[in-house]
Amino acid sequence: NTIASYQDRLFLNRSDGIYEMDVVSKKVIERDWNDTDLFYSYAANIYLLDRDEKEIYRFAGSNKTFSSKSGWLAPGIEMDFSKVVDMVIDGSIWLLSSTGKVTKLTNGNPQSISLNGIPEPLENPTAIYTNEDNKNVYILEKDKGRVVVIDKTGEFKLQYLSDEFKNAKDIVVSETEQKAILLTGAKLISFEVK
């Protein structure tokens, strides 16, 4: 259904579990969660968002094996993930809602992120990206053909506009390479970031 990668490892989320792709694919985690397409690999661990259980599960990685799932949210934290459309991790977990809300979770606790200064409010954004090296967060809003850039406190930095973005499904950005890459079905497009 979906893929995740970390360094030189590639993982696939399939209907019966999570597989690591190498010369041959190997199931590394047996499915014991409700259907979800949001998972991410970070620091040798796999994180999976379960909307029905209102939990983010962590599978701790060690060598080529993973532990059983454990709840990652801090005790007493309850969240509604029903409108979450994308997830990315830079040490904290960033969640993007179809309503335009951005949530940052650090050590299982929500951090206050208010989006300030965006020229038009986000409406139905579809993808979010950052990493531990990037200073900013990139949000794809394909209906409006734009990529909105905020810093990690929620302050608006700038936006990129293009009709080509209206076909995009996902985004990856390297600030060190000053390049954004968008997946648009059968092709990739890139643009320079400042």
N, C-alpha and C. Protein backbone atom coordinates (compact mmCIF):
# COMPACT_ATOMS: atom_id res chain seq x y z
N ASN A 1 0.81 -1.20 0.00
CA ASN A 1 0.00 0.00 0.00
C ASN A 1 0.85 1.26 0.00
N THR A 2 1.81 1.33 0.92
CA THR A 2 2.67 2.50 1.02
C THR A 2 4.09 2.05 1.33
N ILE A 3 5.04 2.98 1.12
CA ILE A 3 6.44 2.66 1.39
C ILE A 3 7.02 3.67 2.38
N ALA A 4 8.10 3.25 3.04
CA ALA A 4 8.87 4.13 3.92
C ALA A 4 10.32 3.71 3.80
N SER A 5 11.22 4.67 4.01
CA SER A 5 12.64 4.33 3.94
C SER A 5 13.38 5.03 5.06
N TYR A 6 14.50 4.44 5.42
CA TYR A 6 15.42 5.08 6.36
C TYR A 6 16.82 4.64 5.96
N GLN A 7 17.67 5.62 5.66
CA GLN A 7 19.01 5.40 5.16
C GLN A 7 18.95 4.44 3.97
N ASP A 8 19.53 3.26 4.08
CA ASP A 8 19.55 2.35 2.93
C ASP A 8 18.52 1.23 3.05
N ARG A 9 17.49 1.41 3.89
CA ARG A 9 16.48 0.37 4.08
C ARG A 9 15.14 0.87 3.54
N LEU A 10 14.41 -0.04 2.89
CA LEU A 10 13.12 0.28 2.29
C LEU A 10 12.08 -0.68 2.84
N PHE A 11 10.93 -0.13 3.27
CA PHE A 11 9.85 -0.93 3.87
C PHE A 11 8.56 -0.72 3.11
N LEU A 12 7.77 -1.79 3.01
CA LEU A 12 6.46 -1.76 2.37
C LEU A 12 5.39 -2.15 3.37
N ASN A 13 4.33 -1.38 3.42
CA ASN A 13 3.18 -1.69 4.27
C ASN A 13 2.18 -2.43 3.40
N ARG A 14 2.06 -3.73 3.63
CA ARG A 14 1.14 -4.57 2.85
C ARG A 14 -0.04 -5.00 3.71
N SER A 15 -0.98 -5.68 3.09
CA SER A 15 -2.20 -6.05 3.79
C SER A 15 -1.97 -7.02 4.94
N ASP A 16 -0.87 -7.77 4.94
CA ASP A 16 -0.61 -8.73 6.01
C ASP A 16 0.56 -8.35 6.92
N GLY A 17 1.18 -7.18 6.70
CA GLY A 17 2.27 -6.76 7.56
C GLY A 17 3.24 -5.84 6.85
N ILE A 18 4.36 -5.59 7.50
CA ILE A 18 5.39 -4.72 6.93
C ILE A 18 6.56 -5.58 6.48
N TYR A 19 6.99 -5.32 5.25
CA TYR A 19 8.08 -6.08 4.63
C TYR A 19 9.27 -5.16 4.42
N GLU A 20 10.46 -5.73 4.57
CA GLU A 20 11.67 -5.01 4.18
C GLU A 20 12.08 -5.51 2.81
N MET A 21 12.37 -4.57 1.92
CA MET A 21 12.78 -4.93 0.57
C MET A 21 14.30 -4.97 0.51
N ASP A 22 14.80 -6.06 0.00
CA ASP A 22 16.23 -6.23 -0.22
C ASP A 22 16.33 -7.04 -1.50
N VAL A 23 17.28 -7.93 -1.60
CA VAL A 23 17.34 -8.80 -2.78
C VAL A 23 16.02 -9.56 -2.89
N VAL A 24 15.50 -10.00 -1.75
CA VAL A 24 14.15 -10.57 -1.68
C VAL A 24 13.40 -9.83 -0.58
N SER A 25 12.08 -9.79 -0.68
CA SER A 25 11.31 -9.13 0.37
C SER A 25 11.12 -10.10 1.54
N LYS A 26 11.14 -9.53 2.74
CA LYS A 26 11.01 -10.35 3.95
C LYS A 26 10.06 -9.64 4.91
N LYS A 27 9.07 -10.37 5.41
CA LYS A 27 8.15 -9.79 6.37
C LYS A 27 8.90 -9.57 7.68
N VAL A 28 8.87 -8.33 8.18
CA VAL A 28 9.58 -8.02 9.43
C VAL A 28 8.61 -7.71 10.57
N ILE A 29 7.36 -7.38 10.24
CA ILE A 29 6.36 -7.12 11.27
C ILE A 29 5.03 -7.71 10.81
N GLU A 30 4.48 -8.58 11.63
CA GLU A 30 3.17 -9.19 11.35
C GLU A 30 2.07 -8.18 11.67
N ARG A 31 1.08 -8.09 10.79
CA ARG A 31 -0.01 -7.12 11.01
C ARG A 31 -0.87 -7.54 12.20
N ASP A 32 -1.01 -6.61 13.15
CA ASP A 32 -1.97 -6.79 14.25
C ASP A 32 -2.60 -5.43 14.59
N TRP A 33 -2.86 -4.66 13.56
CA TRP A 33 -3.47 -3.34 13.69
C TRP A 33 -4.53 -3.21 12.63
N ASN A 34 -5.36 -2.19 12.79
CA ASN A 34 -6.39 -1.91 11.79
C ASN A 34 -5.73 -1.34 10.54
N ASP A 35 -6.44 -1.33 9.47
CA ASP A 35 -5.87 -0.86 8.20
C ASP A 35 -5.44 0.59 8.31
N THR A 36 -4.23 0.88 7.87
CA THR A 36 -3.71 2.24 7.85
C THR A 36 -2.71 2.37 6.73
N ASP A 37 -2.61 3.55 6.16
CA ASP A 37 -1.60 3.78 5.13
C ASP A 37 -0.54 4.75 5.62
N LEU A 38 -0.62 5.17 6.89
CA LEU A 38 0.35 6.12 7.40
C LEU A 38 1.36 5.42 8.30
N PHE A 39 2.56 5.23 7.77
CA PHE A 39 3.65 4.71 8.58
C PHE A 39 4.93 5.37 8.11
N TYR A 40 5.94 5.37 8.98
CA TYR A 40 7.17 6.09 8.69
C TYR A 40 8.31 5.37 9.39
N SER A 41 9.47 5.36 8.77
CA SER A 41 10.65 4.77 9.37
C SER A 41 11.61 5.89 9.77
N TYR A 42 12.08 5.84 11.03
CA TYR A 42 12.98 6.88 11.52
C TYR A 42 13.88 6.28 12.60
N ALA A 43 15.18 6.54 12.50
CA ALA A 43 16.17 6.08 13.49
C ALA A 43 16.03 4.59 13.76
N ALA A 44 15.91 3.82 12.69
CA ALA A 44 15.82 2.35 12.73
C ALA A 44 14.50 1.84 13.29
N ASN A 45 13.58 2.71 13.66
CA ASN A 45 12.27 2.31 14.18
C ASN A 45 11.20 2.53 13.12
N ILE A 46 10.08 1.87 13.30
CA ILE A 46 8.93 2.09 12.44
C ILE A 46 7.79 2.62 13.30
N TYR A 47 7.15 3.68 12.80
CA TYR A 47 6.03 4.31 13.48
C TYR A 47 4.79 4.16 12.60
N LEU A 48 3.67 3.80 13.22
CA LEU A 48 2.45 3.54 12.47
C LEU A 48 1.29 4.26 13.16
N LEU A 49 0.53 5.03 12.41
CA LEU A 49 -0.62 5.75 12.95
C LEU A 49 -1.86 4.90 12.76
N ASP A 50 -2.54 4.57 13.84
CA ASP A 50 -3.77 3.79 13.81
C ASP A 50 -4.93 4.71 14.17
N ARG A 51 -5.70 5.11 13.16
CA ARG A 51 -6.81 6.05 13.38
C ARG A 51 -7.87 5.48 14.31
N ASP A 52 -8.23 4.20 14.11
CA ASP A 52 -9.29 3.60 14.92
C ASP A 52 -8.92 3.53 16.39
N GLU A 53 -7.69 3.17 16.67
CA GLU A 53 -7.24 3.04 18.07
C GLU A 53 -6.77 4.37 18.65
N LYS A 54 -6.71 5.44 17.80
CA LYS A 54 -6.26 6.77 18.22
C LYS A 54 -4.89 6.69 18.90
N GLU A 55 -3.98 6.00 18.19
CA GLU A 55 -2.65 5.76 18.74
C GLU A 55 -1.61 5.78 17.63
N ILE A 56 -0.40 6.15 17.99
CA ILE A 56 0.76 5.98 17.12
C ILE A 56 1.59 4.87 17.75
N TYR A 57 1.81 3.81 16.99
CA TYR A 57 2.58 2.69 17.50
C TYR A 57 4.03 2.80 17.05
N ARG A 58 4.92 2.38 17.92
CA ARG A 58 6.35 2.35 17.61
C ARG A 58 6.82 0.90 17.67
N PHE A 59 7.53 0.50 16.63
CA PHE A 59 8.18 -0.80 16.58
C PHE A 59 9.68 -0.51 16.65
N ALA A 60 10.29 -0.75 17.80
CA ALA A 60 11.71 -0.44 17.98
C ALA A 60 12.56 -1.40 17.16
N GLY A 61 13.49 -0.83 16.40
CA GLY A 61 14.35 -1.64 15.55
C GLY A 61 15.67 -1.95 16.22
N SER A 62 16.13 -3.17 15.99
CA SER A 62 17.44 -3.60 16.48
C SER A 62 18.01 -4.56 15.44
N ASN A 63 19.12 -4.16 14.82
CA ASN A 63 19.67 -4.94 13.72
C ASN A 63 18.63 -5.08 12.63
N LYS A 64 18.20 -6.28 12.32
CA LYS A 64 17.22 -6.51 11.26
C LYS A 64 15.87 -6.96 11.82
N THR A 65 15.66 -6.80 13.13
CA THR A 65 14.40 -7.22 13.74
C THR A 65 13.73 -6.02 14.40
N PHE A 66 12.44 -6.20 14.72
CA PHE A 66 11.66 -5.15 15.37
C PHE A 66 10.93 -5.73 16.56
N SER A 67 10.75 -4.90 17.59
CA SER A 67 10.00 -5.31 18.78
C SER A 67 8.51 -5.34 18.45
N SER A 68 7.73 -5.83 19.39
CA SER A 68 6.28 -5.73 19.28
C SER A 68 5.90 -4.26 19.36
N LYS A 69 4.71 -3.94 18.91
CA LYS A 69 4.28 -2.55 18.93
C LYS A 69 4.09 -2.06 20.36
N SER A 70 4.38 -0.78 20.54
CA SER A 70 4.11 -0.14 21.82
C SER A 70 3.52 1.24 21.52
N GLY A 71 2.61 1.68 22.35
CA GLY A 71 2.01 2.99 22.17
C GLY A 71 3.05 4.07 22.36
N TRP A 72 3.08 5.03 21.44
CA TRP A 72 4.09 6.09 21.48
C TRP A 72 3.57 7.36 22.16
N LEU A 73 2.26 7.58 22.12
CA LEU A 73 1.71 8.78 22.76
C LEU A 73 1.94 8.72 24.27
N ALA A 74 2.19 9.88 24.87
CA ALA A 74 2.42 9.96 26.31
C ALA A 74 1.15 9.56 27.06
N PRO A 75 1.30 9.04 28.28
CA PRO A 75 0.12 8.66 29.07
C PRO A 75 -0.86 9.83 29.21
N GLY A 76 -2.13 9.51 29.03
CA GLY A 76 -3.18 10.52 29.18
C GLY A 76 -3.44 11.36 27.94
N ILE A 77 -2.62 11.21 26.90
CA ILE A 77 -2.82 11.99 25.67
C ILE A 77 -3.81 11.25 24.77
N GLU A 78 -4.90 11.92 24.42
CA GLU A 78 -5.89 11.37 23.50
C GLU A 78 -6.01 12.32 22.33
N MET A 79 -5.97 11.77 21.12
CA MET A 79 -6.01 12.60 19.92
C MET A 79 -6.97 11.99 18.91
N ASP A 80 -7.53 12.86 18.08
CA ASP A 80 -8.39 12.43 16.99
C ASP A 80 -7.57 12.46 15.70
N PHE A 81 -7.31 11.30 15.13
CA PHE A 81 -6.52 11.20 13.90
C PHE A 81 -7.38 11.01 12.66
N SER A 82 -8.69 11.17 12.77
CA SER A 82 -9.60 10.83 11.67
C SER A 82 -9.35 11.66 10.41
N LYS A 83 -8.84 12.87 10.53
CA LYS A 83 -8.63 13.72 9.36
C LYS A 83 -7.15 13.83 8.97
N VAL A 84 -6.27 13.07 9.62
CA VAL A 84 -4.85 13.12 9.31
C VAL A 84 -4.61 12.48 7.93
N VAL A 85 -3.91 13.22 7.06
CA VAL A 85 -3.65 12.74 5.70
C VAL A 85 -2.18 12.41 5.45
N ASP A 86 -1.27 12.91 6.32
CA ASP A 86 0.15 12.62 6.10
C ASP A 86 0.90 12.77 7.42
N MET A 87 2.07 12.10 7.46
CA MET A 87 2.90 12.08 8.65
C MET A 87 4.35 12.09 8.21
N VAL A 88 5.19 12.83 8.96
CA VAL A 88 6.63 12.86 8.70
C VAL A 88 7.33 12.99 10.05
N ILE A 89 8.58 12.53 10.12
CA ILE A 89 9.32 12.57 11.39
C ILE A 89 10.68 13.21 11.19
N ASP A 90 11.02 14.12 12.10
CA ASP A 90 12.36 14.74 12.11
C ASP A 90 12.97 14.65 13.50
N GLY A 91 12.51 13.73 14.30
CA GLY A 91 12.81 13.64 15.73
C GLY A 91 11.51 13.85 16.47
N SER A 92 10.68 14.76 15.99
CA SER A 92 9.29 14.92 16.40
C SER A 92 8.43 14.35 15.28
N ILE A 93 7.21 13.99 15.60
CA ILE A 93 6.27 13.52 14.59
C ILE A 93 5.37 14.69 14.20
N TRP A 94 5.31 14.97 12.90
CA TRP A 94 4.46 16.03 12.35
C TRP A 94 3.28 15.37 11.65
N LEU A 95 2.07 15.84 11.96
CA LEU A 95 0.85 15.32 11.35
C LEU A 95 0.16 16.45 10.60
N LEU A 96 -0.33 16.14 9.41
CA LEU A 96 -1.07 17.09 8.60
C LEU A 96 -2.51 16.61 8.46
N SER A 97 -3.44 17.50 8.79
CA SER A 97 -4.87 17.20 8.69
C SER A 97 -5.44 17.79 7.41
N SER A 98 -6.46 17.15 6.87
CA SER A 98 -7.12 17.67 5.68
C SER A 98 -7.77 19.03 5.93
N THR A 99 -7.95 19.40 7.18
CA THR A 99 -8.53 20.69 7.53
C THR A 99 -7.49 21.81 7.48
N GLY A 100 -6.21 21.45 7.33
CA GLY A 100 -5.14 22.44 7.31
C GLY A 100 -4.40 22.55 8.63
N LYS A 101 -4.81 21.78 9.61
CA LYS A 101 -4.15 21.81 10.92
C LYS A 101 -2.84 21.02 10.85
N VAL A 102 -1.79 21.59 11.45
CA VAL A 102 -0.51 20.91 11.57
C VAL A 102 -0.27 20.65 13.05
N THR A 103 0.03 19.39 13.39
CA THR A 103 0.30 19.01 14.77
C THR A 103 1.71 18.47 14.87
N LYS A 104 2.45 18.94 15.87
CA LYS A 104 3.80 18.46 16.14
C LYS A 104 3.77 17.73 17.47
N LEU A 105 4.27 16.49 17.47
CA LEU A 105 4.32 15.69 18.69
C LEU A 105 5.78 15.43 19.05
N THR A 106 6.16 15.77 20.27
CA THR A 106 7.52 15.52 20.74
C THR A 106 7.43 14.65 21.99
N ASN A 107 8.15 13.54 21.97
CA ASN A 107 8.12 12.59 23.09
C ASN A 107 6.69 12.19 23.45
N GLY A 108 5.84 12.07 22.43
CA GLY A 108 4.46 11.64 22.64
C GLY A 108 3.51 12.71 23.10
N ASN A 109 3.98 13.97 23.20
CA ASN A 109 3.15 15.07 23.66
C ASN A 109 2.95 16.09 22.54
N PRO A 110 1.72 16.59 22.35
CA PRO A 110 1.48 17.62 21.33
C PRO A 110 2.15 18.94 21.72
N GLN A 111 2.76 19.58 20.74
CA GLN A 111 3.38 20.90 20.92
C GLN A 111 2.52 21.91 20.19
N SER A 112 2.41 23.09 20.73
CA SER A 112 1.57 24.12 20.13
C SER A 112 2.21 24.65 18.84
N ILE A 113 1.51 24.48 17.72
CA ILE A 113 1.95 25.02 16.43
C ILE A 113 0.77 25.83 15.87
N SER A 114 0.94 27.14 15.83
CA SER A 114 -0.07 28.00 15.20
C SER A 114 0.51 28.48 13.89
N LEU A 115 -0.22 28.28 12.82
CA LEU A 115 0.23 28.72 11.51
C LEU A 115 -0.04 30.21 11.40
N ASN A 116 1.04 30.99 11.28
CA ASN A 116 0.92 32.45 11.26
C ASN A 116 1.44 33.03 9.96
N GLY A 117 0.66 33.96 9.38
CA GLY A 117 1.13 34.73 8.23
C GLY A 117 0.90 34.11 6.87
N ILE A 118 0.25 32.95 6.79
CA ILE A 118 0.00 32.33 5.48
C ILE A 118 -1.02 33.19 4.74
N PRO A 119 -0.71 33.59 3.48
CA PRO A 119 -1.60 34.49 2.74
C PRO A 119 -3.04 34.01 2.64
N GLU A 120 -3.25 32.73 2.37
CA GLU A 120 -4.58 32.13 2.35
C GLU A 120 -4.53 30.90 3.25
N PRO A 121 -5.55 30.67 4.05
CA PRO A 121 -5.55 29.49 4.92
C PRO A 121 -5.41 28.20 4.10
N LEU A 122 -4.79 27.21 4.71
CA LEU A 122 -4.69 25.90 4.06
C LEU A 122 -6.07 25.26 4.00
N GLU A 123 -6.43 24.76 2.82
CA GLU A 123 -7.69 24.06 2.63
C GLU A 123 -7.39 22.76 1.89
N ASN A 124 -7.59 21.67 2.54
CA ASN A 124 -7.38 20.35 1.96
C ASN A 124 -5.93 20.11 1.50
N PRO A 125 -4.94 20.37 2.37
CA PRO A 125 -3.56 20.03 2.01
C PRO A 125 -3.40 18.52 1.96
N THR A 126 -2.41 18.05 1.21
CA THR A 126 -2.30 16.60 0.99
C THR A 126 -1.00 15.97 1.44
N ALA A 127 0.07 16.75 1.62
CA ALA A 127 1.35 16.16 2.01
C ALA A 127 2.16 17.15 2.82
N ILE A 128 2.99 16.62 3.71
CA ILE A 128 3.88 17.43 4.54
C ILE A 128 5.26 16.79 4.53
N TYR A 129 6.31 17.63 4.56
CA TYR A 129 7.66 17.08 4.59
C TYR A 129 8.61 17.98 5.37
N THR A 130 9.45 17.36 6.15
CA THR A 130 10.61 17.97 6.77
C THR A 130 11.55 16.84 7.14
N ASN A 131 12.72 17.16 7.61
CA ASN A 131 13.63 16.15 8.16
C ASN A 131 14.52 16.82 9.19
N GLU A 132 15.40 16.05 9.80
CA GLU A 132 16.22 16.61 10.88
C GLU A 132 17.22 17.66 10.39
N ASP A 133 17.53 17.68 9.09
CA ASP A 133 18.45 18.67 8.54
C ASP A 133 17.77 19.94 8.04
N ASN A 134 16.49 19.85 7.70
CA ASN A 134 15.76 21.01 7.19
C ASN A 134 15.36 21.94 8.34
N LYS A 135 15.40 23.23 8.07
CA LYS A 135 14.96 24.23 9.05
C LYS A 135 13.47 24.51 8.92
N ASN A 136 12.90 24.11 7.78
CA ASN A 136 11.50 24.43 7.48
C ASN A 136 10.67 23.18 7.26
N VAL A 137 9.35 23.41 7.19
CA VAL A 137 8.35 22.38 6.92
C VAL A 137 7.65 22.77 5.63
N TYR A 138 7.44 21.81 4.74
CA TYR A 138 6.86 22.05 3.41
C TYR A 138 5.51 21.34 3.34
N ILE A 139 4.48 22.10 2.96
CA ILE A 139 3.13 21.57 2.91
C ILE A 139 2.59 21.70 1.48
N LEU A 140 2.21 20.59 0.89
CA LEU A 140 1.66 20.56 -0.46
C LEU A 140 0.15 20.73 -0.38
N GLU A 141 -0.34 21.72 -1.11
CA GLU A 141 -1.78 21.95 -1.24
C GLU A 141 -2.08 21.91 -2.74
N LYS A 142 -2.30 20.71 -3.23
CA LYS A 142 -2.38 20.52 -4.68
C LYS A 142 -3.58 21.20 -5.32
N ASP A 143 -4.72 21.32 -4.61
CA ASP A 143 -5.89 21.99 -5.19
C ASP A 143 -5.57 23.42 -5.61
N LYS A 144 -4.72 24.09 -4.83
CA LYS A 144 -4.35 25.48 -5.13
C LYS A 144 -3.03 25.56 -5.89
N GLY A 145 -2.42 24.41 -6.18
CA GLY A 145 -1.16 24.41 -6.91
C GLY A 145 -0.06 25.13 -6.17
N ARG A 146 0.06 24.84 -4.86
CA ARG A 146 1.08 25.54 -4.10
C ARG A 146 1.76 24.64 -3.08
N VAL A 147 2.98 25.05 -2.74
CA VAL A 147 3.74 24.47 -1.64
C VAL A 147 3.98 25.62 -0.66
N VAL A 148 3.47 25.47 0.55
CA VAL A 148 3.62 26.47 1.59
C VAL A 148 4.79 26.07 2.48
N VAL A 149 5.64 27.04 2.79
CA VAL A 149 6.81 26.80 3.63
C VAL A 149 6.62 27.55 4.94
N ILE A 150 6.73 26.80 6.06
CA ILE A 150 6.69 27.40 7.39
C ILE A 150 7.97 26.99 8.12
N ASP A 151 8.37 27.78 9.12
CA ASP A 151 9.48 27.32 9.95
C ASP A 151 8.91 26.36 10.98
N LYS A 152 9.75 25.80 11.82
CA LYS A 152 9.29 24.75 12.73
C LYS A 152 8.53 25.28 13.95
N THR A 153 8.29 26.60 13.99
CA THR A 153 7.41 27.17 15.00
C THR A 153 6.04 27.52 14.41
N GLY A 154 5.88 27.37 13.08
CA GLY A 154 4.61 27.66 12.42
C GLY A 154 4.57 28.97 11.68
N GLU A 155 5.66 29.74 11.69
CA GLU A 155 5.69 31.03 10.99
C GLU A 155 5.84 30.84 9.49
N PHE A 156 4.99 31.52 8.73
CA PHE A 156 5.05 31.46 7.27
C PHE A 156 6.36 32.06 6.77
N LYS A 157 7.01 31.35 5.83
CA LYS A 157 8.25 31.84 5.23
C LYS A 157 8.00 32.30 3.79
N LEU A 158 7.43 31.43 2.97
CA LEU A 158 7.11 31.75 1.59
C LEU A 158 6.26 30.64 1.00
N GLN A 159 5.82 30.83 -0.24
CA GLN A 159 5.09 29.78 -0.93
C GLN A 159 5.53 29.73 -2.38
N TYR A 160 5.41 28.55 -2.95
CA TYR A 160 5.73 28.32 -4.37
C TYR A 160 4.42 27.97 -5.06
N LEU A 161 4.17 28.57 -6.22
CA LEU A 161 2.94 28.36 -6.97
C LEU A 161 3.25 27.83 -8.36
N SER A 162 2.50 26.81 -8.80
CA SER A 162 2.63 26.28 -10.15
C SER A 162 1.44 25.39 -10.45
N ASP A 163 0.91 25.49 -11.67
CA ASP A 163 -0.17 24.58 -12.07
C ASP A 163 0.30 23.14 -12.08
N GLU A 164 1.60 22.90 -12.26
CA GLU A 164 2.13 21.53 -12.24
C GLU A 164 1.94 20.87 -10.88
N PHE A 165 1.90 21.67 -9.81
CA PHE A 165 1.73 21.12 -8.46
C PHE A 165 0.35 20.51 -8.27
N LYS A 166 -0.60 20.87 -9.13
CA LYS A 166 -1.97 20.36 -8.99
C LYS A 166 -2.06 18.86 -9.26
N ASN A 167 -1.05 18.28 -9.89
CA ASN A 167 -1.02 16.84 -10.14
C ASN A 167 -0.17 16.09 -9.13
N ALA A 168 0.45 16.80 -8.19
CA ALA A 168 1.39 16.18 -7.26
C ALA A 168 0.68 15.34 -6.21
N LYS A 169 1.36 14.28 -5.82
CA LYS A 169 0.85 13.38 -4.80
C LYS A 169 1.67 13.46 -3.52
N ASP A 170 2.97 13.77 -3.65
CA ASP A 170 3.85 13.79 -2.49
C ASP A 170 5.02 14.72 -2.75
N ILE A 171 5.74 15.07 -1.68
CA ILE A 171 6.87 16.01 -1.78
C ILE A 171 8.00 15.56 -0.87
N VAL A 172 9.23 15.78 -1.34
CA VAL A 172 10.45 15.57 -0.56
C VAL A 172 11.33 16.79 -0.82
N VAL A 173 11.99 17.31 0.23
CA VAL A 173 12.80 18.51 0.09
C VAL A 173 14.14 18.32 0.78
N SER A 174 15.21 18.70 0.09
CA SER A 174 16.54 18.77 0.68
C SER A 174 16.99 20.23 0.65
N GLU A 175 17.04 20.86 1.82
CA GLU A 175 17.50 22.24 1.87
C GLU A 175 18.99 22.33 1.59
N THR A 176 19.75 21.30 1.95
CA THR A 176 21.19 21.34 1.66
C THR A 176 21.45 21.29 0.16
N GLU A 177 20.61 20.57 -0.58
CA GLU A 177 20.71 20.50 -2.04
C GLU A 177 19.89 21.60 -2.71
N GLN A 178 19.10 22.33 -1.91
CA GLN A 178 18.21 23.40 -2.39
C GLN A 178 17.26 22.89 -3.47
N LYS A 179 16.67 21.71 -3.21
CA LYS A 179 15.80 21.11 -4.22
C LYS A 179 14.59 20.46 -3.57
N ALA A 180 13.43 20.68 -4.19
CA ALA A 180 12.20 19.98 -3.84
C ALA A 180 11.84 19.07 -5.00
N ILE A 181 11.37 17.88 -4.67
CA ILE A 181 10.94 16.93 -5.70
C ILE A 181 9.51 16.54 -5.39
N LEU A 182 8.66 16.64 -6.42
CA LEU A 182 7.25 16.29 -6.30
C LEU A 182 6.96 15.06 -7.15
N LEU A 183 6.21 14.12 -6.57
CA LEU A 183 5.75 12.96 -7.31
C LEU A 183 4.42 13.32 -7.94
N THR A 184 4.33 13.22 -9.28
CA THR A 184 3.09 13.55 -10.00
C THR A 184 2.70 12.37 -10.87
N GLY A 185 2.27 11.30 -10.25
CA GLY A 185 1.87 10.13 -11.00
C GLY A 185 3.07 9.42 -11.59
N ALA A 186 3.20 9.45 -12.91
CA ALA A 186 4.25 8.70 -13.58
C ALA A 186 5.57 9.46 -13.68
N LYS A 187 5.62 10.69 -13.21
CA LYS A 187 6.88 11.44 -13.34
C LYS A 187 7.18 12.24 -12.08
N LEU A 188 8.42 12.67 -11.98
CA LEU A 188 8.87 13.54 -10.90
C LEU A 188 9.14 14.91 -11.47
N ILE A 189 8.80 15.95 -10.72
CA ILE A 189 9.21 17.29 -11.11
C ILE A 189 9.98 17.88 -9.94
N SER A 190 10.91 18.78 -10.25
CA SER A 190 11.68 19.40 -9.18
C SER A 190 11.71 20.90 -9.37
N PHE A 191 11.98 21.58 -8.26
CA PHE A 191 12.19 23.03 -8.33
C PHE A 191 13.18 23.41 -7.26
N GLU A 192 13.80 24.55 -7.44
CA GLU A 192 14.82 25.04 -6.51
C GLU A 192 14.14 25.69 -5.31
N VAL A 193 14.63 25.38 -4.12
CA VAL A 193 14.12 26.03 -2.91
C VAL A 193 15.15 27.04 -2.41
N LYS A 194 14.68 28.10 -1.81
CA LYS A 194 15.57 29.17 -1.33
C LYS A 194 15.60 29.20 0.17
